[in-house]
Amino acid sequence: MVDVNTTQMRDALAWVTQDQADADNPDKNIREWLWEAIQGDFSETRSTGQIAFDAAVSMIPIVDQVCDVRDLIANCRKINEKPSDTWAWVALCLTLIGLFPSIGSLVKGVLKIFFLFVRRSGGDGVIKVVESAMTWVITFLRKREVQKYIRNVIKADEIFKWLAEQIKVVKGWVNSRALLAAFDRGIKLMEGLLSRVTWLPSVGEKAQATIDLVKTVRNLADEQIGKAVKPVQDILDNIILALERRHLLERGGILDAHNIHFHGALPEANAVTLMRNTDPSPSWLTKPVKIEHKPLPERVIDLKPSIRQDIEMHLAEGWPSHGDLTRFEDIIADELKGPARLYRVVSPSNMASGDCWVTEAVFKRIQASPNPRAVWRKHLGVWPDWNVNGQFVIYDVKTGESLKVWRGTASTQTKFKAGLDASLEGGWEQIVFNAAKNPADTASMDTLVYYAADRVTGQLNKTDLTYPEYRALHPVEQSKYEALRSRINNDHISGPFDTGWGYTDFNEQVLSTRMGLPNLPGQITQLAH
């Protein structure tokens, strides 16, 4: 505990209780005032307008100690009423995390806000509760003194990314041993504070009873606290995901569809001509054809017996369609456990709820490459007429959820039928599952709007054409229309975000007419719940 003089303690208690009048009153007994300040879980009675203020106390060590003891006592009182209440132990663990010696004051302040909302929820709807808390985290981060601390001490340009990384470290510390050590640290802090009041006739007996109660709960903690570790880690996972999504929104969100320099989808004939004639050839294209990763047979019946039997067994057990097998060199069924995150590169014309995805590790590998767009095309085998890129979306498998998928190496892709003597190498891992709510029902997929496109002026005129009707058109007729994603209908998907790669692969595309996109919800970044 930090040693403090009477003036410092008065100032600290004024912060905790927001009672400056008592701080200025020399007749106010500071020891009785200290006892009053640590009664009850003061945080839970705070109005939302005071939440950012409450978090700021972590920037002031003396005040922070009083608040930590206050919350520790309140948690222990609740546990004493019902020792078998797992959520009460979870709430205690959230307080104990604040007592970890290596946790920084800014991280602690942010966690205070998230933990306050989570504790108030009683464990219900943690994901939505964490998202609700984000508004007040932002309010806290915008405070002048916090901004000064970020600028001069943290020196982090991307604060949400930095916070997510720091809280990942904190999560790694969360285990029974560390939480019990924090509990013992909290008891010493409490005894140091309450030693100031235990001898007072008016409150001494109550203060000693409080110390005894907390120690009684500590004796129970050896057996009970382990049950709370997993829920606490899940809460931290949700906080990390929320911060990472906020980082993406701040850095790569599409806030105004009018600013997107989109040149339209690229028909196969045009794409083949550009790939054949562009000099020098795109770095992602291998000329002549070279099969680096042999595709699987098109039909399941033609697969090796062991692979065929595995696919058939998993399909019978509820796995979704594996899609086009020739996109794979090898394939296995997998079940992702949340929290997990998948990424999908799209264009304004593509459905966010399509079936081709990559893991977070693969996406980071792509983005870390000198030429991410080229690496994506080359190693995941994506032809420019399939996807002109420019945007990406994220599918979050939330804590406690699971997702059945197909995982495997992307195969080499060719266009022999189109007369192209070139290939896309493949070789990186892809994840396949259909993210439409009901893949058999086209109405459950992303909402697409079809526009009659003037390829000279870029003018778009909305039509009533439906997805099945468009698919039934001859390719020549299809080229007269431009499909635009109007709405993303899966509430697990966030986006779209800007890749930063641009929306074209060839100089000829840049010289073509730019499409003036309408401000559609499916083109403007939204965060999933």
Protein backbone atom coordinates (compact mmCIF):
# COMPACT_ATOMS: atom_id res chain seq x y z
CA MET A 1 0.00 0.00 0.00
CA VAL A 2 1.18 3.50 -0.85
CA ASP A 3 1.89 5.59 2.27
CA VAL A 4 -0.29 8.69 2.32
CA ASN A 5 -0.69 11.70 4.54
CA THR A 6 -3.99 13.07 5.81
CA THR A 7 -4.41 15.58 3.00
CA GLN A 8 -3.80 12.94 0.33
CA MET A 9 -6.28 10.58 1.97
CA ARG A 10 -8.92 13.33 2.14
CA ASP A 11 -8.42 14.06 -1.55
CA ALA A 12 -8.63 10.35 -2.37
CA LEU A 13 -11.83 9.87 -0.43
CA ALA A 14 -13.32 12.94 -2.09
CA TRP A 15 -12.60 11.26 -5.45
CA VAL A 16 -14.21 7.99 -4.39
CA THR A 17 -17.32 9.54 -2.84
CA GLN A 18 -17.46 12.66 -5.03
CA ASP A 19 -17.90 14.68 -1.85
CA GLN A 20 -15.58 17.67 -2.00
CA ALA A 21 -17.49 19.40 0.81
CA ASP A 22 -16.30 16.77 3.30
CA ALA A 23 -12.76 17.07 1.94
CA ASP A 24 -12.82 20.77 2.76
CA ASN A 25 -14.39 20.19 6.18
CA PRO A 26 -11.62 19.88 8.82
CA ASP A 27 -14.12 18.46 11.34
CA LYS A 28 -14.85 15.41 9.14
CA ASN A 29 -13.27 12.37 10.81
CA ILE A 30 -11.09 10.92 8.06
CA ARG A 31 -11.09 7.42 9.57
CA GLU A 32 -14.87 7.24 9.74
CA TRP A 33 -15.00 8.68 6.24
CA LEU A 34 -12.66 5.92 5.01
CA TRP A 35 -14.94 3.31 6.56
CA GLU A 36 -17.97 4.87 4.83
CA ALA A 37 -16.16 4.90 1.48
CA ILE A 38 -15.47 1.18 1.44
CA GLN A 39 -18.99 0.12 2.39
CA GLY A 40 -20.81 -1.75 -0.37
CA ASP A 41 -19.96 -2.22 -4.02
CA PHE A 42 -20.13 1.46 -4.82
CA SER A 43 -19.47 0.77 -8.51
CA GLU A 44 -22.74 -1.05 -9.01
CA THR A 45 -24.79 1.94 -7.95
CA ARG A 46 -23.03 4.36 -10.26
CA SER A 47 -24.99 6.03 -13.03
CA THR A 48 -23.76 5.42 -16.57
CA GLY A 49 -22.72 9.05 -16.74
CA GLN A 50 -20.23 8.44 -13.92
CA ILE A 51 -18.68 5.28 -15.36
CA ALA A 52 -15.76 6.91 -17.19
CA PHE A 53 -15.06 8.90 -14.03
CA ASP A 54 -14.97 5.68 -12.01
CA ALA A 55 -12.47 4.13 -14.43
CA ALA A 56 -10.19 7.16 -14.14
CA VAL A 57 -9.45 6.30 -10.51
CA SER A 58 -7.10 3.58 -11.72
CA MET A 59 -4.82 6.40 -12.86
CA ILE A 60 -4.53 7.59 -9.22
CA PRO A 61 -2.95 4.89 -7.00
CA ILE A 62 -4.33 6.03 -3.62
CA VAL A 63 -7.89 6.29 -4.91
CA ASP A 64 -7.52 3.00 -6.73
CA GLN A 65 -6.55 1.17 -3.55
CA VAL A 66 -9.65 2.39 -1.74
CA CYS A 67 -11.85 1.27 -4.65
CA ASP A 68 -10.16 -2.15 -4.85
CA VAL A 69 -10.77 -2.78 -1.15
CA ARG A 70 -14.34 -1.50 -1.44
CA ASP A 71 -15.11 -3.92 -4.30
CA LEU A 72 -13.28 -6.83 -2.69
CA ILE A 73 -15.37 -6.48 0.47
CA ALA A 74 -18.59 -6.18 -1.51
CA ASN A 75 -17.78 -9.32 -3.54
CA CYS A 76 -17.00 -11.28 -0.39
CA ARG A 77 -20.25 -10.22 1.26
CA LYS A 78 -22.22 -11.57 -1.70
CA ILE A 79 -20.32 -14.84 -1.63
CA ASN A 80 -20.88 -15.12 2.12
CA GLU A 81 -24.63 -14.96 1.49
CA LYS A 82 -24.45 -17.81 -1.03
CA PRO A 83 -21.05 -19.55 -1.23
CA SER A 84 -22.19 -21.84 -4.08
CA ASP A 85 -23.05 -18.95 -6.43
CA THR A 86 -20.54 -19.36 -9.28
CA TRP A 87 -21.34 -15.94 -10.73
CA ALA A 88 -20.47 -14.31 -7.39
CA TRP A 89 -17.07 -15.99 -7.61
CA VAL A 90 -16.70 -14.77 -11.20
CA ALA A 91 -17.46 -11.21 -10.04
CA LEU A 92 -14.82 -11.60 -7.33
CA CYS A 93 -12.26 -12.78 -9.90
CA LEU A 94 -12.95 -9.70 -12.03
CA THR A 95 -12.05 -7.58 -9.01
CA LEU A 96 -8.95 -9.70 -8.29
CA ILE A 97 -7.63 -9.13 -11.83
CA GLY A 98 -7.34 -5.46 -10.90
CA LEU A 99 -4.96 -6.53 -8.13
CA PHE A 100 -2.50 -8.22 -10.51
CA PRO A 101 0.80 -6.40 -9.86
CA SER A 102 1.83 -6.15 -13.54
CA ILE A 103 -1.40 -4.72 -14.92
CA GLY A 104 -1.00 -1.19 -16.22
CA SER A 105 -3.21 1.63 -15.02
CA LEU A 106 -4.73 2.34 -18.45
CA VAL A 107 -5.59 -1.32 -19.03
CA LYS A 108 -7.03 -1.52 -15.54
CA GLY A 109 -9.18 1.55 -16.17
CA VAL A 110 -10.61 0.05 -19.36
CA LEU A 111 -11.24 -3.30 -17.68
CA LYS A 112 -13.00 -1.55 -14.79
CA ILE A 113 -15.61 -0.28 -17.24
CA PHE A 114 -16.12 -3.60 -18.97
CA PHE A 115 -16.21 -5.50 -15.67
CA LEU A 116 -18.74 -3.07 -14.18
CA PHE A 117 -21.16 -3.74 -17.04
CA VAL A 118 -20.55 -7.49 -16.89
CA ARG A 119 -21.11 -7.64 -13.12
CA ARG A 120 -24.34 -5.70 -13.45
CA SER A 121 -25.56 -8.16 -16.09
CA GLY A 122 -25.39 -11.08 -13.68
CA GLY A 123 -23.83 -13.14 -16.47
CA ASP A 124 -26.66 -12.68 -18.97
CA GLY A 125 -25.85 -11.66 -22.54
CA VAL A 126 -22.16 -10.98 -21.93
CA ILE A 127 -21.43 -10.32 -25.62
CA LYS A 128 -24.04 -7.56 -25.90
CA VAL A 129 -23.09 -6.18 -22.49
CA VAL A 130 -19.46 -5.85 -23.57
CA GLU A 131 -20.54 -4.02 -26.73
CA SER A 132 -22.71 -1.68 -24.62
CA ALA A 133 -19.73 -0.89 -22.43
CA MET A 134 -17.67 0.18 -25.45
CA THR A 135 -19.35 3.61 -25.57
CA TRP A 136 -18.10 4.35 -22.07
CA VAL A 137 -14.65 2.94 -22.79
CA ILE A 138 -14.41 5.44 -25.65
CA THR A 139 -15.63 8.22 -23.33
CA PHE A 140 -12.91 7.27 -20.84
CA LEU A 141 -10.20 7.16 -23.52
CA ARG A 142 -11.19 10.62 -24.77
CA LYS A 143 -10.69 12.26 -21.36
CA ARG A 144 -7.95 14.86 -21.53
CA GLU A 145 -5.76 13.31 -18.84
CA VAL A 146 -6.13 9.84 -20.41
CA GLN A 147 -5.24 11.17 -23.87
CA LYS A 148 -2.15 12.80 -22.36
CA TYR A 149 -1.19 9.49 -20.73
CA ILE A 150 -1.67 7.60 -24.03
CA ARG A 151 0.38 10.17 -25.92
CA ASN A 152 3.26 10.56 -23.44
CA VAL A 153 3.46 7.20 -21.66
CA ILE A 154 1.83 4.50 -23.80
CA LYS A 155 2.77 6.14 -27.12
CA ALA A 156 0.28 3.97 -28.99
CA ASP A 157 -1.19 5.26 -32.26
CA GLU A 158 -3.74 2.43 -32.51
CA ILE A 159 -5.07 2.37 -28.96
CA PHE A 160 -7.80 -0.27 -29.45
CA LYS A 161 -5.32 -2.67 -31.03
CA TRP A 162 -2.87 -1.96 -28.21
CA LEU A 163 -5.51 -2.57 -25.56
CA ALA A 164 -6.58 -5.86 -27.19
CA GLU A 165 -2.97 -7.06 -27.17
CA GLN A 166 -2.47 -6.05 -23.54
CA ILE A 167 -5.66 -7.77 -22.40
CA LYS A 168 -4.57 -10.94 -24.22
CA VAL A 169 -1.54 -10.84 -21.94
CA VAL A 170 -3.78 -10.35 -18.91
CA LYS A 171 -5.89 -13.34 -19.98
CA GLY A 172 -2.73 -15.43 -20.05
CA TRP A 173 -2.18 -14.59 -16.39
CA VAL A 174 -5.65 -15.70 -15.31
CA ASN A 175 -5.42 -19.00 -13.45
CA SER A 176 -6.31 -20.19 -9.96
CA ARG A 177 -2.83 -19.63 -8.57
CA ALA A 178 -2.58 -16.03 -9.79
CA LEU A 179 -6.11 -15.17 -8.62
CA LEU A 180 -5.47 -16.59 -5.15
CA ALA A 181 -2.22 -14.63 -4.93
CA ALA A 182 -4.15 -11.49 -5.91
CA PHE A 183 -6.72 -12.31 -3.21
CA ASP A 184 -3.95 -12.49 -0.59
CA ARG A 185 -2.58 -9.19 -1.90
CA GLY A 186 -6.03 -7.65 -1.57
CA ILE A 187 -6.37 -8.85 2.01
CA LYS A 188 -3.07 -7.20 2.95
CA LEU A 189 -4.22 -4.00 1.29
CA MET A 190 -7.55 -4.18 3.16
CA GLU A 191 -5.84 -4.79 6.49
CA GLY A 192 -3.54 -1.83 5.86
CA LEU A 193 -6.47 0.47 5.20
CA LEU A 194 -8.74 -0.83 7.95
CA SER A 195 -5.96 -0.72 10.54
CA ARG A 196 -6.75 2.99 10.54
CA VAL A 197 -10.26 2.35 11.85
CA THR A 198 -10.27 -0.94 13.81
CA TRP A 199 -9.43 0.85 17.05
CA LEU A 200 -12.28 3.36 16.70
CA PRO A 201 -15.10 2.65 19.21
CA SER A 202 -17.78 3.52 16.65
CA VAL A 203 -16.70 1.25 13.79
CA GLY A 204 -13.81 -0.89 15.07
CA GLU A 205 -15.90 -3.97 15.79
CA LYS A 206 -17.61 -3.79 12.38
CA ALA A 207 -14.27 -3.30 10.62
CA GLN A 208 -12.78 -6.34 12.33
CA ALA A 209 -15.86 -8.39 11.44
CA THR A 210 -15.42 -7.35 7.83
CA ILE A 211 -11.78 -8.47 7.85
CA ASP A 212 -12.83 -11.82 9.33
CA LEU A 213 -15.56 -12.25 6.70
CA VAL A 214 -13.13 -11.64 3.82
CA LYS A 215 -10.67 -14.13 5.31
CA THR A 216 -13.46 -16.69 5.64
CA VAL A 217 -14.21 -16.31 1.92
CA ARG A 218 -10.49 -16.62 1.20
CA ASN A 219 -10.49 -20.01 2.93
CA LEU A 220 -13.28 -21.15 0.60
CA ALA A 221 -11.49 -19.80 -2.47
CA ASP A 222 -8.95 -22.63 -2.69
CA GLU A 223 -11.79 -24.95 -3.70
CA GLN A 224 -14.18 -22.56 -5.46
CA ILE A 225 -12.13 -20.12 -7.50
CA GLY A 226 -11.03 -22.68 -10.09
CA LYS A 227 -14.65 -22.99 -11.25
CA ALA A 228 -14.67 -19.29 -12.16
CA VAL A 229 -11.48 -19.28 -14.26
CA LYS A 230 -13.07 -20.41 -17.55
CA PRO A 231 -16.02 -17.94 -17.39
CA VAL A 232 -13.57 -15.14 -16.60
CA GLN A 233 -11.37 -16.08 -19.56
CA ASP A 234 -14.49 -16.15 -21.77
CA ILE A 235 -15.37 -12.62 -20.61
CA LEU A 236 -11.86 -11.45 -21.47
CA ASP A 237 -12.14 -13.13 -24.89
CA ASN A 238 -15.29 -11.15 -25.60
CA ILE A 239 -13.61 -7.93 -24.51
CA ILE A 240 -10.61 -8.65 -26.76
CA LEU A 241 -12.86 -9.35 -29.76
CA ALA A 242 -14.84 -6.15 -29.13
CA LEU A 243 -11.65 -4.08 -29.00
CA GLU A 244 -10.28 -5.71 -32.15
CA ARG A 245 -13.51 -5.00 -34.02
CA ARG A 246 -13.39 -1.40 -32.86
CA HIS A 247 -9.80 -1.17 -34.11
CA LEU A 248 -10.91 -2.43 -37.52
CA LEU A 249 -13.77 0.05 -37.60
CA GLU A 250 -11.45 2.94 -36.71
CA ARG A 251 -8.71 1.96 -39.16
CA GLY A 252 -10.40 0.14 -42.04
CA GLY A 253 -14.11 0.83 -41.87
CA ILE A 254 -16.06 2.00 -44.90
CA LEU A 255 -18.06 4.96 -43.68
CA ASP A 256 -19.27 6.44 -46.97
CA ALA A 257 -20.03 4.20 -49.93
CA HIS A 258 -19.72 7.16 -52.31
CA ASN A 259 -15.98 7.18 -51.64
CA ILE A 260 -15.46 3.64 -52.93
CA HIS A 261 -13.67 3.66 -56.28
CA PHE A 262 -15.38 0.57 -57.69
CA HIS A 263 -15.08 -0.26 -61.38
CA GLY A 264 -17.59 -3.09 -61.45
CA ALA A 265 -17.33 -6.86 -61.63
CA LEU A 266 -15.01 -8.34 -64.25
CA PRO A 267 -16.63 -10.82 -66.70
CA GLU A 268 -14.57 -13.94 -67.42
CA ALA A 269 -13.92 -13.05 -71.08
CA ASN A 270 -12.54 -9.65 -70.09
CA ALA A 271 -10.47 -11.15 -67.28
CA VAL A 272 -8.95 -13.80 -69.56
CA THR A 273 -8.05 -11.16 -72.16
CA LEU A 274 -6.36 -9.00 -69.51
CA MET A 275 -4.48 -11.96 -68.00
CA ARG A 276 -3.34 -13.10 -71.44
CA ASN A 277 -2.22 -9.72 -72.76
CA THR A 278 -0.96 -7.74 -69.76
CA ASP A 279 2.79 -7.17 -69.93
CA PRO A 280 4.43 -7.79 -67.60
CA SER A 281 2.19 -10.60 -66.44
CA PRO A 282 0.64 -10.20 -62.96
CA SER A 283 2.91 -11.61 -60.24
CA TRP A 284 0.11 -13.85 -59.01
CA LEU A 285 -0.26 -15.62 -62.35
CA THR A 286 1.91 -18.60 -63.34
CA LYS A 287 2.62 -18.91 -67.07
CA PRO A 288 2.53 -21.47 -68.59
CA VAL A 289 0.25 -23.71 -66.53
CA LYS A 290 1.99 -25.52 -63.69
CA ILE A 291 0.04 -27.81 -61.35
CA GLU A 292 1.64 -27.28 -57.94
CA HIS A 293 -1.30 -28.56 -55.88
CA LYS A 294 -3.40 -31.14 -57.68
CA PRO A 295 -7.16 -30.58 -57.29
CA LEU A 296 -9.40 -33.25 -55.83
CA PRO A 297 -11.84 -34.97 -58.23
CA GLU A 298 -15.05 -33.09 -58.89
CA ARG A 299 -17.30 -35.91 -57.67
CA VAL A 300 -17.27 -37.43 -54.19
CA ILE A 301 -17.62 -40.90 -55.69
CA ASP A 302 -14.25 -40.47 -57.42
CA LEU A 303 -12.36 -39.68 -54.23
CA LYS A 304 -10.09 -42.14 -52.46
CA PRO A 305 -12.26 -44.46 -50.29
CA SER A 306 -10.88 -43.11 -47.00
CA ILE A 307 -11.56 -39.47 -47.97
CA ARG A 308 -14.98 -40.28 -49.45
CA GLN A 309 -16.08 -42.18 -46.35
CA ASP A 310 -14.91 -39.36 -44.05
CA ILE A 311 -16.82 -36.75 -46.06
CA GLU A 312 -19.98 -38.86 -46.22
CA MET A 313 -19.85 -39.55 -42.47
CA HIS A 314 -19.52 -35.86 -41.58
CA LEU A 315 -22.24 -34.80 -44.01
CA ALA A 316 -24.52 -37.29 -42.26
CA GLU A 317 -23.54 -35.74 -38.91
CA GLY A 318 -24.65 -32.24 -39.94
CA TRP A 319 -21.65 -30.72 -41.67
CA PRO A 320 -22.56 -28.19 -44.40
CA SER A 321 -21.82 -28.71 -48.07
CA HIS A 322 -18.10 -28.77 -48.85
CA GLY A 323 -18.72 -26.83 -52.06
CA ASP A 324 -16.56 -27.36 -55.13
CA LEU A 325 -14.11 -30.13 -54.28
CA THR A 326 -11.76 -29.08 -57.06
CA ARG A 327 -10.93 -25.99 -54.99
CA PHE A 328 -9.12 -28.31 -52.57
CA GLU A 329 -5.90 -30.32 -52.77
CA ASP A 330 -6.91 -32.06 -49.53
CA ILE A 331 -9.87 -31.69 -47.20
CA ILE A 332 -10.87 -32.55 -43.63
CA ALA A 333 -13.96 -31.82 -41.54
CA ASP A 334 -13.37 -29.58 -38.54
CA GLU A 335 -15.41 -27.92 -35.82
CA LEU A 336 -14.23 -24.48 -34.71
CA LYS A 337 -14.78 -23.59 -31.07
CA GLY A 338 -15.47 -19.98 -30.14
CA PRO A 339 -14.03 -17.53 -29.74
CA ALA A 340 -12.67 -17.82 -33.27
CA ARG A 341 -12.55 -15.46 -36.20
CA LEU A 342 -12.75 -16.10 -39.95
CA TYR A 343 -12.05 -13.64 -42.75
CA ARG A 344 -13.44 -13.40 -46.27
CA VAL A 345 -12.26 -11.06 -49.02
CA VAL A 346 -15.14 -9.61 -51.04
CA SER A 347 -15.96 -6.85 -53.49
CA PRO A 348 -19.06 -4.63 -53.51
CA SER A 349 -20.65 -7.26 -55.78
CA ASN A 350 -19.84 -10.30 -53.65
CA MET A 351 -21.96 -11.83 -50.92
CA ALA A 352 -20.42 -11.52 -47.49
CA SER A 353 -22.16 -14.78 -46.61
CA GLY A 354 -20.33 -16.84 -49.23
CA ASP A 355 -18.49 -20.07 -48.54
CA CYS A 356 -14.74 -19.34 -48.89
CA TRP A 357 -12.95 -18.06 -45.76
CA VAL A 358 -9.54 -18.09 -44.09
CA THR A 359 -8.48 -18.19 -40.46
CA GLU A 360 -7.18 -15.14 -38.64
CA ALA A 361 -3.64 -16.56 -38.85
CA VAL A 362 -3.82 -16.89 -42.64
CA PHE A 363 -5.36 -13.43 -43.07
CA LYS A 364 -2.60 -11.86 -40.98
CA ARG A 365 -0.06 -13.73 -43.11
CA ILE A 366 -1.68 -12.28 -46.23
CA GLN A 367 -1.75 -8.73 -44.85
CA ALA A 368 1.88 -8.98 -43.72
CA SER A 369 3.00 -9.80 -47.27
CA PRO A 370 4.66 -7.11 -49.45
CA ASN A 371 1.78 -7.46 -51.93
CA PRO A 372 -1.26 -8.85 -50.04
CA ARG A 373 -3.61 -8.86 -53.02
CA ALA A 374 -1.15 -10.83 -55.15
CA VAL A 375 -0.52 -13.34 -52.36
CA TRP A 376 -4.26 -13.78 -51.82
CA ARG A 377 -4.92 -14.48 -55.50
CA LYS A 378 -1.88 -16.69 -56.00
CA HIS A 379 -2.01 -18.91 -52.91
CA LEU A 380 -5.78 -19.16 -52.45
CA GLY A 381 -6.49 -19.53 -56.18
CA VAL A 382 -8.97 -16.68 -56.69
CA TRP A 383 -9.54 -15.57 -60.29
CA PRO A 384 -10.27 -11.84 -60.85
CA ASP A 385 -13.60 -12.64 -62.52
CA TRP A 386 -14.64 -14.50 -59.35
CA ASN A 387 -13.82 -11.65 -57.00
CA VAL A 388 -12.37 -8.22 -57.81
CA ASN A 389 -11.61 -7.74 -54.07
CA GLY A 390 -11.19 -4.43 -52.22
CA GLN A 391 -13.14 -5.29 -49.07
CA PHE A 392 -13.20 -7.97 -46.38
CA VAL A 393 -15.68 -9.17 -43.76
CA ILE A 394 -15.27 -11.04 -40.49
CA TYR A 395 -17.28 -13.96 -39.15
CA ASP A 396 -17.06 -14.26 -35.36
CA VAL A 397 -17.64 -17.63 -33.74
CA LYS A 398 -18.60 -16.38 -30.32
CA THR A 399 -17.61 -17.76 -26.96
CA GLY A 400 -19.52 -20.98 -26.25
CA GLU A 401 -20.45 -21.47 -29.93
CA SER A 402 -19.05 -23.94 -32.44
CA LEU A 403 -19.03 -23.99 -36.22
CA LYS A 404 -18.81 -27.01 -38.53
CA VAL A 405 -16.47 -26.29 -41.46
CA TRP A 406 -14.26 -27.90 -44.08
CA ARG A 407 -10.56 -27.16 -43.92
CA GLY A 408 -7.90 -27.88 -46.52
CA THR A 409 -5.17 -26.70 -48.87
CA ALA A 410 -6.26 -24.56 -51.81
CA SER A 411 -5.56 -26.38 -55.08
CA THR A 412 -3.99 -24.99 -58.23
CA GLN A 413 -6.62 -23.30 -60.40
CA THR A 414 -6.69 -23.35 -64.21
CA LYS A 415 -8.89 -21.98 -67.01
CA PHE A 416 -8.32 -24.51 -69.76
CA LYS A 417 -11.90 -24.16 -71.02
CA ALA A 418 -11.41 -20.40 -71.44
CA GLY A 419 -8.21 -20.98 -73.40
CA LEU A 420 -5.83 -19.50 -70.82
CA ASP A 421 -2.38 -21.08 -70.56
CA ALA A 422 -1.81 -19.89 -67.00
CA SER A 423 -2.62 -20.98 -63.47
CA LEU A 424 -2.99 -19.83 -59.88
CA GLU A 425 -0.65 -21.77 -57.61
CA GLY A 426 -2.76 -22.39 -54.47
CA GLY A 427 -1.14 -24.01 -51.46
CA TRP A 428 -2.48 -22.00 -48.52
CA GLU A 429 -5.18 -23.16 -46.14
CA GLN A 430 -8.79 -22.23 -46.76
CA ILE A 431 -11.98 -22.74 -44.73
CA VAL A 432 -15.25 -23.55 -46.47
CA PHE A 433 -18.76 -23.24 -45.05
CA ASN A 434 -21.80 -21.34 -46.27
CA ALA A 435 -22.48 -18.39 -44.00
CA ALA A 436 -26.02 -17.82 -45.29
CA LYS A 437 -28.54 -18.43 -42.52
CA ASN A 438 -30.16 -21.07 -44.69
CA PRO A 439 -28.06 -21.90 -47.79
CA ALA A 440 -31.03 -23.66 -49.38
CA ASP A 441 -33.08 -20.46 -49.22
CA THR A 442 -31.74 -17.65 -51.41
CA ALA A 443 -33.80 -15.12 -49.46
CA SER A 444 -31.67 -15.83 -46.37
CA MET A 445 -28.43 -14.86 -48.11
CA ASP A 446 -27.12 -11.30 -48.33
CA THR A 447 -29.53 -8.97 -50.06
CA LEU A 448 -28.33 -8.06 -53.55
CA VAL A 449 -29.71 -5.29 -55.74
CA TYR A 450 -29.23 -5.44 -59.52
CA TYR A 451 -28.63 -2.24 -61.46
CA ALA A 452 -28.66 -1.70 -65.18
CA ALA A 453 -25.16 -0.27 -65.65
CA ASP A 454 -24.10 2.22 -68.31
CA ARG A 455 -20.48 1.16 -68.88
CA VAL A 456 -19.65 4.53 -70.49
CA THR A 457 -21.04 6.98 -67.96
CA GLY A 458 -21.11 4.73 -64.88
CA GLN A 459 -24.78 5.50 -64.30
CA LEU A 460 -26.64 2.85 -62.28
CA ASN A 461 -30.39 2.36 -62.62
CA LYS A 462 -32.04 0.09 -60.08
CA THR A 463 -34.06 -2.88 -61.41
CA ASP A 464 -36.36 -5.49 -59.89
CA LEU A 465 -34.16 -8.35 -61.11
CA THR A 466 -33.81 -11.18 -58.59
CA TYR A 467 -30.82 -13.42 -57.92
CA PRO A 468 -32.37 -16.51 -59.62
CA GLU A 469 -33.41 -14.40 -62.61
CA TYR A 470 -29.94 -12.92 -62.94
CA ARG A 471 -28.31 -16.36 -62.73
CA ALA A 472 -30.57 -17.59 -65.53
CA LEU A 473 -29.34 -14.90 -67.93
CA HIS A 474 -26.75 -15.54 -70.63
CA PRO A 475 -23.31 -14.12 -69.66
CA VAL A 476 -23.62 -11.47 -72.36
CA GLU A 477 -26.89 -10.29 -70.78
CA GLN A 478 -25.46 -10.52 -67.26
CA SER A 479 -22.70 -8.08 -68.26
CA LYS A 480 -25.35 -5.37 -68.70
CA TYR A 481 -26.07 -5.43 -64.97
CA GLU A 482 -24.11 -4.74 -61.84
CA ALA A 483 -24.97 -6.58 -58.63
CA LEU A 484 -24.37 -4.65 -55.42
CA ARG A 485 -24.58 -6.00 -51.90
CA SER A 486 -27.43 -4.13 -50.29
CA ARG A 487 -27.45 -5.74 -46.85
CA ILE A 488 -25.50 -8.35 -44.87
CA ASN A 489 -28.08 -10.57 -43.19
CA ASN A 490 -25.94 -12.77 -40.94
CA ASP A 491 -25.55 -11.25 -37.49
CA HIS A 492 -22.21 -13.04 -36.99
CA ILE A 493 -20.62 -11.04 -39.81
CA SER A 494 -18.99 -7.62 -39.34
CA GLY A 495 -17.98 -5.39 -42.21
CA PRO A 496 -17.26 -4.63 -44.88
CA PHE A 497 -13.81 -3.23 -44.11
CA ASP A 498 -11.41 -1.82 -46.66
CA THR A 499 -8.47 -4.10 -47.48
CA GLY A 500 -6.33 -1.20 -48.57
CA TRP A 501 -5.47 -3.15 -51.74
CA GLY A 502 -7.61 -1.13 -54.12
CA TYR A 503 -10.36 -2.58 -56.30
CA THR A 504 -8.44 -3.41 -59.47
CA ASP A 505 -5.70 -5.76 -60.71
CA PHE A 506 -5.01 -4.23 -64.11
CA ASN A 507 -4.24 -0.70 -65.31
CA GLU A 508 -6.97 -1.05 -67.90
CA GLN A 509 -9.51 -1.34 -65.10
CA VAL A 510 -8.31 1.91 -63.57
CA LEU A 511 -8.92 3.67 -66.88
CA SER A 512 -12.46 2.31 -67.13
CA THR A 513 -15.55 4.08 -65.84
CA ARG A 514 -15.87 4.28 -62.08
CA MET A 515 -19.20 3.13 -60.66
CA GLY A 516 -21.00 5.61 -58.39
CA LEU A 517 -22.12 3.37 -55.51
CA PRO A 518 -25.33 4.16 -53.62
CA ASN A 519 -25.08 4.43 -49.84
CA LEU A 520 -26.35 0.92 -49.14
CA PRO A 521 -26.14 -0.68 -45.66
CA GLY A 522 -24.27 -3.62 -47.18
CA GLN A 523 -21.51 -1.29 -48.39
CA ILE A 524 -21.02 0.64 -45.15
CA THR A 525 -19.20 -0.93 -42.21
CA GLN A 526 -21.37 -2.44 -39.50
CA LEU A 527 -20.22 -4.38 -36.43
CA ALA A 528 -22.03 -7.62 -35.62
CA HIS A 529 -23.57 -8.02 -32.18
